[in-house]
């Protein structure tokens, strides 16, 4: 896992439960995406937080993916 330094406003961070609700996915799915490096996270004081920009990027990727038949 690569470490990236960035500046993010605290108001623009969501915990995994909030992100799951916003994305309409289960918490386990979000953790799996994090583990697979599909969602970039910020770790602060032992908490795993997801930037708003990642939520938006994930939503956009979902909208462009074709459903599997």
PDB file of N, CA and C in Angstrom:
ATOM      1  N   UNK A   1       0.851  -1.171   0.000  1.00  0.00           N
ATOM      2  CA  UNK A   1       0.000   0.000   0.000  1.00  0.00           C
ATOM      3  C   UNK A   1       0.896   1.232   0.000  1.00  0.00           C
ATOM      4  N   UNK A   2       0.671   2.130  -0.924  1.00  0.00           N
ATOM      5  CA  UNK A   2       1.457   3.354  -1.026  1.00  0.00           C
ATOM      6  C   UNK A   2       0.930   4.418  -0.078  1.00  0.00           C
ATOM      7  N   UNK A   3       1.847   5.222   0.451  1.00  0.00           N
ATOM      8  CA  UNK A   3       1.438   6.327   1.311  1.00  0.00           C
ATOM      9  C   UNK A   3       1.503   7.616   0.496  1.00  0.00           C
ATOM     10  N   UNK A   4       0.431   8.401   0.586  1.00  0.00           N
ATOM     11  CA  UNK A   4       0.333   9.647  -0.145  1.00  0.00           C
ATOM     12  C   UNK A   4       0.032  10.743   0.857  1.00  0.00           C
ATOM     13  N   UNK A   5       0.713  11.873   0.728  1.00  0.00           N
ATOM     14  CA  UNK A   5       0.452  12.998   1.605  1.00  0.00           C
ATOM     15  C   UNK A   5      -0.466  13.978   0.888  1.00  0.00           C
ATOM     16  N   UNK A   6      -1.559  14.384   1.566  1.00  0.00           N
ATOM     17  CA  UNK A   6      -2.519  15.315   0.979  1.00  0.00           C
ATOM     18  C   UNK A   6      -3.178  16.120   2.095  1.00  0.00           C
ATOM     19  N   UNK A   7      -3.735  17.246   1.729  1.00  0.00           N
ATOM     20  CA  UNK A   7      -4.481  18.068   2.670  1.00  0.00           C
ATOM     21  C   UNK A   7      -5.962  17.864   2.412  1.00  0.00           C
ATOM     22  N   UNK A   8      -6.701  17.498   3.477  1.00  0.00           N
ATOM     23  CA  UNK A   8      -8.130  17.234   3.361  1.00  0.00           C
ATOM     24  C   UNK A   8      -8.829  17.911   4.529  1.00  0.00           C
ATOM     25  N   UNK A   9      -9.951  18.550   4.254  1.00  0.00           N
ATOM     26  CA  UNK A   9     -10.741  19.149   5.322  1.00  0.00           C
ATOM     27  C   UNK A   9     -11.448  18.052   6.107  1.00  0.00           C
ATOM     28  N   UNK A  10     -11.494  18.185   7.423  1.00  0.00           N
ATOM     29  CA  UNK A  10     -12.127  17.170   8.272  1.00  0.00           C
ATOM     30  C   UNK A  10     -13.592  16.964   7.887  1.00  0.00           C
ATOM     31  N   UNK A  11     -14.289  18.016   7.490  1.00  0.00           N
ATOM     32  CA  UNK A  11     -15.706  17.896   7.119  1.00  0.00           C
ATOM     33  C   UNK A  11     -15.887  17.025   5.879  1.00  0.00           C
ATOM     34  N   UNK A  12     -14.821  16.836   5.124  1.00  0.00           N
ATOM     35  CA  UNK A  12     -14.891  16.082   3.874  1.00  0.00           C
ATOM     36  C   UNK A  12     -14.452  14.633   4.041  1.00  0.00           C
ATOM     37  N   UNK A  13     -14.512  14.114   5.282  1.00  0.00           N
ATOM     38  CA  UNK A  13     -14.125  12.736   5.551  1.00  0.00           C
ATOM     39  C   UNK A  13     -15.301  11.964   6.134  1.00  0.00           C
ATOM     40  N   UNK A  14     -15.442  10.717   5.719  1.00  0.00           N
ATOM     41  CA  UNK A  14     -16.536   9.865   6.201  1.00  0.00           C
ATOM     42  C   UNK A  14     -15.951   8.579   6.768  1.00  0.00           C
ATOM     43  N   UNK A  15     -16.543   8.074   7.845  1.00  0.00           N
ATOM     44  CA  UNK A  15     -16.092   6.768   8.326  1.00  0.00           C
ATOM     45  C   UNK A  15     -16.689   5.696   7.412  1.00  0.00           C
ATOM     46  N   UNK A  16     -16.274   4.466   7.628  1.00  0.00           N
ATOM     47  CA  UNK A  16     -16.674   3.374   6.725  1.00  0.00           C
ATOM     48  C   UNK A  16     -18.186   3.171   6.731  1.00  0.00           C
ATOM     49  N   UNK A  17     -18.817   3.273   7.903  1.00  0.00           N
ATOM     50  CA  UNK A  17     -20.283   3.121   7.971  1.00  0.00           C
ATOM     51  C   UNK A  17     -20.996   4.196   7.157  1.00  0.00           C
ATOM     52  N   UNK A  18     -20.543   5.450   7.299  1.00  0.00           N
ATOM     53  CA  UNK A  18     -21.160   6.558   6.545  1.00  0.00           C
ATOM     54  C   UNK A  18     -20.949   6.357   5.044  1.00  0.00           C
ATOM     55  N   UNK A  19     -19.737   5.958   4.665  1.00  0.00           N
ATOM     56  CA  UNK A  19     -19.442   5.742   3.249  1.00  0.00           C
ATOM     57  C   UNK A  19     -20.318   4.631   2.673  1.00  0.00           C
ATOM     58  N   UNK A  20     -20.494   3.558   3.434  1.00  0.00           N
ATOM     59  CA  UNK A  20     -21.349   2.459   2.972  1.00  0.00           C
ATOM     60  C   UNK A  20     -22.775   2.953   2.730  1.00  0.00           C
ATOM     61  N   UNK A  21     -23.300   3.753   3.647  1.00  0.00           N
ATOM     62  CA  UNK A  21     -24.650   4.299   3.473  1.00  0.00           C
ATOM     63  C   UNK A  21     -24.734   5.209   2.252  1.00  0.00           C
ATOM     64  N   UNK A  22     -23.742   6.072   2.080  1.00  0.00           N
ATOM     65  CA  UNK A  22     -23.759   6.994   0.936  1.00  0.00           C
ATOM     66  C   UNK A  22     -23.675   6.257  -0.395  1.00  0.00           C
ATOM     67  N   UNK A  23     -22.942   5.150  -0.394  1.00  0.00           N
ATOM     68  CA  UNK A  23     -22.740   4.401  -1.638  1.00  0.00           C
ATOM     69  C   UNK A  23     -23.766   3.295  -1.852  1.00  0.00           C
ATOM     70  N   UNK A  24     -24.600   3.055  -0.855  1.00  0.00           N
ATOM     71  CA  UNK A  24     -25.597   1.997  -0.975  1.00  0.00           C
ATOM     72  C   UNK A  24     -24.963   0.613  -1.000  1.00  0.00           C
ATOM     73  N   UNK A  25     -23.850   0.470  -0.303  1.00  0.00           N
ATOM     74  CA  UNK A  25     -23.124  -0.798  -0.243  1.00  0.00           C
ATOM     75  C   UNK A  25     -23.036  -1.252   1.202  1.00  0.00           C
ATOM     76  N   UNK A  26     -22.684  -2.503   1.411  1.00  0.00           N
ATOM     77  CA  UNK A  26     -22.474  -3.015   2.753  1.00  0.00           C
ATOM     78  C   UNK A  26     -21.105  -2.612   3.281  1.00  0.00           C
ATOM     79  N   UNK A  27     -20.987  -2.594   4.590  1.00  0.00           N
ATOM     80  CA  UNK A  27     -19.722  -2.231   5.228  1.00  0.00           C
ATOM     81  C   UNK A  27     -18.618  -3.203   4.800  1.00  0.00           C
ATOM     82  N   UNK A  28     -18.936  -4.492   4.713  1.00  0.00           N
ATOM     83  CA  UNK A  28     -17.936  -5.487   4.302  1.00  0.00           C
ATOM     84  C   UNK A  28     -17.427  -5.207   2.892  1.00  0.00           C
ATOM     85  N   UNK A  29     -18.312  -4.758   2.019  1.00  0.00           N
ATOM     86  CA  UNK A  29     -17.914  -4.424   0.646  1.00  0.00           C
ATOM     87  C   UNK A  29     -16.935  -3.260   0.645  1.00  0.00           C
ATOM     88  N   UNK A  30     -17.216  -2.247   1.454  1.00  0.00           N
ATOM     89  CA  UNK A  30     -16.324  -1.080   1.529  1.00  0.00           C
ATOM     90  C   UNK A  30     -14.961  -1.507   2.066  1.00  0.00           C
ATOM     91  N   UNK A  31     -14.941  -2.317   3.135  1.00  0.00           N
ATOM     92  CA  UNK A  31     -13.660  -2.801   3.672  1.00  0.00           C
ATOM     93  C   UNK A  31     -12.909  -3.612   2.629  1.00  0.00           C
ATOM     94  N   UNK A  32     -13.604  -4.412   1.838  1.00  0.00           N
ATOM     95  CA  UNK A  32     -12.967  -5.212   0.789  1.00  0.00           C
ATOM     96  C   UNK A  32     -12.339  -4.303  -0.264  1.00  0.00           C
ATOM     97  N   UNK A  33     -13.066  -3.252  -0.653  1.00  0.00           N
ATOM     98  CA  UNK A  33     -12.533  -2.294  -1.642  1.00  0.00           C
ATOM     99  C   UNK A  33     -11.304  -1.570  -1.089  1.00  0.00           C
ATOM    100  N   UNK A  34     -11.326  -1.256   0.198  1.00  0.00           N
ATOM    101  CA  UNK A  34     -10.168  -0.610   0.841  1.00  0.00           C
ATOM    102  C   UNK A  34      -8.978  -1.568   0.812  1.00  0.00           C
ATOM    103  N   UNK A  35      -9.212  -2.812   1.205  1.00  0.00           N
ATOM    104  CA  UNK A  35      -8.146  -3.829   1.233  1.00  0.00           C
ATOM    105  C   UNK A  35      -7.549  -4.038  -0.155  1.00  0.00           C
ATOM    106  N   UNK A  36      -8.393  -3.980  -1.181  1.00  0.00           N
ATOM    107  CA  UNK A  36      -7.950  -4.168  -2.565  1.00  0.00           C
ATOM    108  C   UNK A  36      -7.397  -2.885  -3.193  1.00  0.00           C
ATOM    109  N   UNK A  37      -7.254  -1.823  -2.376  1.00  0.00           N
ATOM    110  CA  UNK A  37      -6.755  -0.515  -2.835  1.00  0.00           C
ATOM    111  C   UNK A  37      -7.637   0.104  -3.918  1.00  0.00           C
ATOM    112  N   UNK A  38      -8.934  -0.187  -3.882  1.00  0.00           N
ATOM    113  CA  UNK A  38      -9.877   0.415  -4.834  1.00  0.00           C
ATOM    114  C   UNK A  38     -10.456   1.715  -4.286  1.00  0.00           C
ATOM    115  N   UNK A  39     -10.357   1.903  -2.968  1.00  0.00           N
ATOM    116  CA  UNK A  39     -10.788   3.139  -2.318  1.00  0.00           C
ATOM    117  C   UNK A  39      -9.619   3.648  -1.489  1.00  0.00           C
ATOM    118  N   UNK A  40      -9.232   4.885  -1.708  1.00  0.00           N
ATOM    119  CA  UNK A  40      -8.147   5.506  -0.951  1.00  0.00           C
ATOM    120  C   UNK A  40      -8.697   5.999   0.375  1.00  0.00           C
ATOM    121  N   UNK A  41      -7.981   5.724   1.457  1.00  0.00           N
ATOM    122  CA  UNK A  41      -8.428   6.123   2.785  1.00  0.00           C
ATOM    123  C   UNK A  41      -7.399   7.017   3.456  1.00  0.00           C
ATOM    124  N   UNK A  42      -7.852   7.673   4.525  1.00  0.00           N
ATOM    125  CA  UNK A  42      -7.003   8.481   5.389  1.00  0.00           C
ATOM    126  C   UNK A  42      -7.098   7.836   6.769  1.00  0.00           C
ATOM    127  N   UNK A  43      -5.963   7.594   7.374  1.00  0.00           N
ATOM    128  CA  UNK A  43      -5.973   7.020   8.725  1.00  0.00           C
ATOM    129  C   UNK A  43      -5.524   8.093   9.704  1.00  0.00           C
ATOM    130  N   UNK A  44      -6.419   8.401  10.655  1.00  0.00           N
ATOM    131  CA  UNK A  44      -6.148   9.418  11.667  1.00  0.00           C
ATOM    132  C   UNK A  44      -6.470   8.827  13.029  1.00  0.00           C
ATOM    133  N   UNK A  45      -5.483   8.799  13.905  1.00  0.00           N
ATOM    134  CA  UNK A  45      -5.664   8.327  15.281  1.00  0.00           C
ATOM    135  C   UNK A  45      -6.375   6.979  15.333  1.00  0.00           C
ATOM    136  N   UNK A  46      -5.967   6.069  14.470  1.00  0.00           N
ATOM    137  CA  UNK A  46      -6.550   4.740  14.468  1.00  0.00           C
ATOM    138  C   UNK A  46      -7.877   4.607  13.747  1.00  0.00           C
ATOM    139  N   UNK A  47      -8.396   5.700  13.220  1.00  0.00           N
ATOM    140  CA  UNK A  47      -9.664   5.657  12.483  1.00  0.00           C
ATOM    141  C   UNK A  47      -9.386   5.613  10.989  1.00  0.00           C
ATOM    142  N   UNK A  48     -10.191   4.867  10.283  1.00  0.00           N
ATOM    143  CA  UNK A  48     -10.101   4.796   8.827  1.00  0.00           C
ATOM    144  C   UNK A  48     -11.204   5.678   8.265  1.00  0.00           C
ATOM    145  N   UNK A  49     -10.802   6.708   7.537  1.00  0.00           N
ATOM    146  CA  UNK A  49     -11.751   7.674   6.986  1.00  0.00           C
ATOM    147  C   UNK A  49     -11.594   7.752   5.473  1.00  0.00           C
ATOM    148  N   UNK A  50     -12.709   8.007   4.811  1.00  0.00           N
ATOM    149  CA  UNK A  50     -12.732   8.061   3.350  1.00  0.00           C
ATOM    150  C   UNK A  50     -13.050   9.491   2.917  1.00  0.00           C
ATOM    151  N   UNK A  51     -12.164  10.094   2.110  1.00  0.00           N
ATOM    152  CA  UNK A  51     -12.419  11.454   1.634  1.00  0.00           C
ATOM    153  C   UNK A  51     -13.653  11.525   0.730  1.00  0.00           C
ATOM    154  N   UNK A  52     -14.315  12.661   0.764  1.00  0.00           N
ATOM    155  CA  UNK A  52     -15.493  12.902  -0.075  1.00  0.00           C
ATOM    156  C   UNK A  52     -15.156  12.667  -1.549  1.00  0.00           C
ATOM    157  N   UNK A  53     -13.958  13.055  -1.961  1.00  0.00           N
ATOM    158  CA  UNK A  53     -13.555  12.881  -3.360  1.00  0.00           C
ATOM    159  C   UNK A  53     -13.544  11.401  -3.761  1.00  0.00           C
ATOM    160  N   UNK A  54     -13.187  10.520  -2.824  1.00  0.00           N
ATOM    161  CA  UNK A  54     -13.207   9.078  -3.107  1.00  0.00           C
ATOM    162  C   UNK A  54     -14.631   8.563  -3.229  1.00  0.00           C
ATOM    163  N   UNK A  55     -15.538   9.084  -2.392  1.00  0.00           N
ATOM    164  CA  UNK A  55     -16.952   8.698  -2.480  1.00  0.00           C
ATOM    165  C   UNK A  55     -17.482   9.080  -3.855  1.00  0.00           C
ATOM    166  N   UNK A  56     -17.195  10.305  -4.286  1.00  0.00           N
ATOM    167  CA  UNK A  56     -17.665  10.776  -5.585  1.00  0.00           C
ATOM    168  C   UNK A  56     -17.047   9.965  -6.723  1.00  0.00           C
ATOM    169  N   UNK A  57     -15.755   9.670  -6.621  1.00  0.00           N
ATOM    170  CA  UNK A  57     -15.084   8.880  -7.661  1.00  0.00           C
ATOM    171  C   UNK A  57     -15.696   7.483  -7.734  1.00  0.00           C
ATOM    172  N   UNK A  58     -15.944   6.874  -6.592  1.00  0.00           N
ATOM    173  CA  UNK A  58     -16.531   5.542  -6.555  1.00  0.00           C
ATOM    174  C   UNK A  58     -17.930   5.551  -7.168  1.00  0.00           C
ATOM    175  N   UNK A  59     -18.729   6.572  -6.833  1.00  0.00           N
ATOM    176  CA  UNK A  59     -20.075   6.688  -7.416  1.00  0.00           C
ATOM    177  C   UNK A  59     -19.996   6.819  -8.930  1.00  0.00           C
ATOM    178  N   UNK A  60     -19.067   7.648  -9.416  1.00  0.00           N
ATOM    179  CA  UNK A  60     -18.912   7.837 -10.863  1.00  0.00           C
ATOM    180  C   UNK A  60     -18.479   6.544 -11.544  1.00  0.00           C
ATOM    181  N   UNK A  61     -17.596   5.791 -10.916  1.00  0.00           N
ATOM    182  CA  UNK A  61     -17.156   4.512 -11.479  1.00  0.00           C
ATOM    183  C   UNK A  61     -18.300   3.514 -11.523  1.00  0.00           C
ATOM    184  N   UNK A  62     -19.144   3.518 -10.498  1.00  0.00           N
ATOM    185  CA  UNK A  62     -20.307   2.625 -10.477  1.00  0.00           C
ATOM    186  C   UNK A  62     -21.259   2.956 -11.613  1.00  0.00           C
ATOM    187  N   UNK A  63     -21.444   4.238 -11.882  1.00  0.00           N
ATOM    188  CA  UNK A  63     -22.385   4.667 -12.908  1.00  0.00           C
ATOM    189  C   UNK A  63     -21.910   4.264 -14.304  1.00  0.00           C
ATOM    190  N   UNK A  64     -20.581   4.158 -14.492  1.00  0.00           N
ATOM    191  CA  UNK A  64     -20.056   3.845 -15.819  1.00  0.00           C
ATOM    192  C   UNK A  64     -19.824   2.354 -16.025  1.00  0.00           C
ATOM    193  N   UNK A  65     -19.868   1.567 -14.950  1.00  0.00           N
ATOM    194  CA  UNK A  65     -19.692   0.128 -15.086  1.00  0.00           C
ATOM    195  C   UNK A  65     -20.948  -0.506 -15.696  1.00  0.00           C
ATOM    196  N   UNK A  66     -20.719  -1.465 -16.575  1.00  0.00           N
ATOM    197  CA  UNK A  66     -21.846  -2.171 -17.175  1.00  0.00           C
ATOM    198  C   UNK A  66     -22.280  -3.287 -16.242  1.00  0.00           C
ATOM    199  N   UNK A  67     -23.569  -3.500 -16.094  1.00  0.00           N
ATOM    200  CA  UNK A  67     -24.031  -4.596 -15.254  1.00  0.00           C
ATOM    201  C   UNK A  67     -23.655  -5.956 -15.857  1.00  0.00           C
ATOM    202  N   UNK A  68     -23.338  -6.881 -14.990  1.00  0.00           N
ATOM    203  CA  UNK A  68     -22.978  -8.229 -15.438  1.00  0.00           C
ATOM    204  C   UNK A  68     -24.256  -9.048 -15.565  1.00  0.00           C
ATOM    205  N   UNK A  69     -24.457  -9.657 -16.722  1.00  0.00           N
ATOM    206  CA  UNK A  69     -25.683 -10.453 -16.956  1.00  0.00           C
ATOM    207  C   UNK A  69     -25.514 -11.868 -16.514  1.00  0.00           C
TER     208      UNK A  69
END
